[in-house]
C-alpha atoms as a PDB file:
ATOM      1  CA  MET A   1     108.512  99.473  38.945  1.00  0.00           C
ATOM      2  CA  ALA A   2     109.041  96.010  39.623  1.00  0.00           C
ATOM      3  CA  ILE A   3     109.256  94.591  43.362  1.00  0.00           C
ATOM      4  CA  SER A   4     112.131  92.829  44.253  1.00  0.00           C
ATOM      5  CA  ASP A   5     113.796  91.444  47.339  1.00  0.00           C
ATOM      6  CA  THR A   6     117.277  91.243  45.421  1.00  0.00           C
ATOM      7  CA  SER A   7     119.885  94.054  46.109  1.00  0.00           C
ATOM      8  CA  PRO A   8     121.260  96.177  43.296  1.00  0.00           C
ATOM      9  CA  GLU A   9     124.826  94.660  43.960  1.00  0.00           C
ATOM     10  CA  ILE A  10     123.315  90.941  43.819  1.00  0.00           C
ATOM     11  CA  GLU A  11     121.314  91.719  40.544  1.00  0.00           C
ATOM     12  CA  ALA A  12     124.262  93.165  39.070  1.00  0.00           C
ATOM     13  CA  MET A  13     126.305  90.451  39.762  1.00  0.00           C
ATOM     14  CA  GLN A  14     123.571  88.104  38.489  1.00  0.00           C
ATOM     15  CA  ILE A  15     123.219  89.986  35.087  1.00  0.00           C
ATOM     16  CA  ARG A  16     127.070  89.805  34.953  1.00  0.00           C
ATOM     17  CA  ILE A  17     127.067  85.972  35.304  1.00  0.00           C
ATOM     18  CA  ILE A  18     124.110  85.542  32.696  1.00  0.00           C
ATOM     19  CA  ARG A  19     125.781  87.840  29.992  1.00  0.00           C
ATOM     20  CA  SER A  20     128.749  85.728  30.631  1.00  0.00           C
ATOM     21  CA  MET A  21     126.996  82.357  29.604  1.00  0.00           C
ATOM     22  CA  THR A  22     126.586  80.992  26.294  1.00  0.00           C
ATOM     23  CA  ALA A  23     123.270  80.779  24.398  1.00  0.00           C
ATOM     24  CA  GLU A  24     123.283  77.091  24.785  1.00  0.00           C
ATOM     25  CA  GLN A  25     123.843  77.510  28.789  1.00  0.00           C
ATOM     26  CA  ARG A  26     121.137  80.151  29.020  1.00  0.00           C
ATOM     27  CA  LEU A  27     118.599  78.006  26.898  1.00  0.00           C
ATOM     28  CA  LEU A  28     119.594  74.911  29.254  1.00  0.00           C
ATOM     29  CA  ILE A  29     118.787  76.842  32.380  1.00  0.00           C
ATOM     30  CA  ALA A  30     115.326  78.142  30.529  1.00  0.00           C
ATOM     31  CA  VAL A  31     114.306  74.057  29.886  1.00  0.00           C
ATOM     32  CA  GLU A  32     115.643  73.271  33.620  1.00  0.00           C
ATOM     33  CA  MET A  33     113.103  76.099  35.088  1.00  0.00           C
ATOM     34  CA  SER A  34     110.317  74.910  32.901  1.00  0.00           C
ATOM     35  CA  LEU A  35     110.490  71.228  33.980  1.00  0.00           C
ATOM     36  CA  PHE A  36     110.869  72.140  37.614  1.00  0.00           C
ATOM     37  CA  SER A  37     107.596  74.287  37.201  1.00  0.00           C
ATOM     38  CA  ARG A  38     106.178  71.416  35.861  1.00  0.00           C
ATOM     39  CA  GLU A  39     106.953  69.192  38.536  1.00  0.00           C
ATOM     40  CA  LEU A  40     105.765  71.517  40.919  1.00  0.00           C
ATOM     41  CA  MET A  41     102.327  71.886  39.106  1.00  0.00           C
ATOM     42  CA  LYS A  42     102.076  67.923  39.212  1.00  0.00           C
ATOM     43  CA  SER A  43     102.646  67.945  42.737  1.00  0.00           C
ATOM     44  CA  ALA A  44     100.062  70.393  43.369  1.00  0.00           C
ATOM     45  CA  MET A  45      97.696  68.684  41.249  1.00  0.00           C
ATOM     46  CA  ARG A  46      98.356  65.218  42.970  1.00  0.00           C
ATOM     47  CA  ARG A  47      97.681  66.722  46.108  1.00  0.00           C
ATOM     48  CA  ASP A  48      94.487  68.227  44.940  1.00  0.00           C
ATOM     49  CA  HIS A  49      93.303  65.867  42.359  1.00  0.00           C
ATOM     50  CA  PRO A  50      94.767  62.375  43.657  1.00  0.00           C
ATOM     51  CA  GLU A  51      92.221  60.739  41.208  1.00  0.00           C
ATOM     52  CA  TRP A  52      93.626  62.101  38.003  1.00  0.00           C
ATOM     53  CA  THR A  53      95.503  59.948  35.691  1.00  0.00           C
ATOM     54  CA  GLU A  54      98.828  61.011  34.266  1.00  0.00           C
ATOM     55  CA  LYS A  55      97.322  62.028  31.118  1.00  0.00           C
ATOM     56  CA  GLU A  56      94.775  64.194  32.902  1.00  0.00           C
ATOM     57  CA  MET A  57      97.564  66.004  34.672  1.00  0.00           C
ATOM     58  CA  ARG A  58      99.511  66.522  31.168  1.00  0.00           C
ATOM     59  CA  ILE A  59      96.265  67.751  29.574  1.00  0.00           C
ATOM     60  CA  GLU A  60      95.924  70.623  32.788  1.00  0.00           C
ATOM     61  CA  ILE A  61      99.469  71.312  32.348  1.00  0.00           C
ATOM     62  CA  LEU A  62      99.012  72.429  28.654  1.00  0.00           C
ATOM     63  CA  ARG A  63      95.724  74.199  29.764  1.00  0.00           C
ATOM     64  CA  ARG A  64      97.385  76.028  32.268  1.00  0.00           C
ATOM     65  CA  ALA A  65     100.356  77.196  29.925  1.00  0.00           C
ATOM     66  CA  PHE A  66      98.612  77.924  27.041  1.00  0.00           C
ATOM     67  CA  LEU A  67      94.976  78.503  27.553  1.00  0.00           C
ATOM     68  CA  PRO A  68      92.838  80.442  30.206  1.00  0.00           C
ATOM     69  CA  ALA A  69      89.617  78.240  30.115  1.00  0.00           C
ATOM     70  CA  PRO A  70      89.023  74.604  30.342  1.00  0.00           C
ATOM     71  CA  LEU A  71      90.054  72.246  27.389  1.00  0.00           C
ATOM     72  CA  PRO A  72      87.300  71.847  24.956  1.00  0.00           C
ATOM     73  CA  ALA A  73      85.730  67.838  25.823  1.00  0.00           C
ATOM     74  CA  TRP A  74      86.881  66.898  22.255  1.00  0.00           C
ATOM     75  CA  ILE A  75      90.693  67.166  23.250  1.00  0.00           C
ATOM     76  CA  ARG A  76      90.007  64.957  26.114  1.00  0.00           C
END
């Protein structure tokens, strides 16, 4: 059972809204959420690693998204 702070009434309303959207609208929301997530990660990386270049941050974002361990040296 998933833990949620959303009431059943509001969850039902969210489901109705999402179902009323076109596939294009739902895809746009997914892309926007992905971009927002990346910006949050970049903000945290800038705070924790101010010395990192933009390239190093992009590499780390990809690693976090797709790999459980650091990237091999040959990729950097």
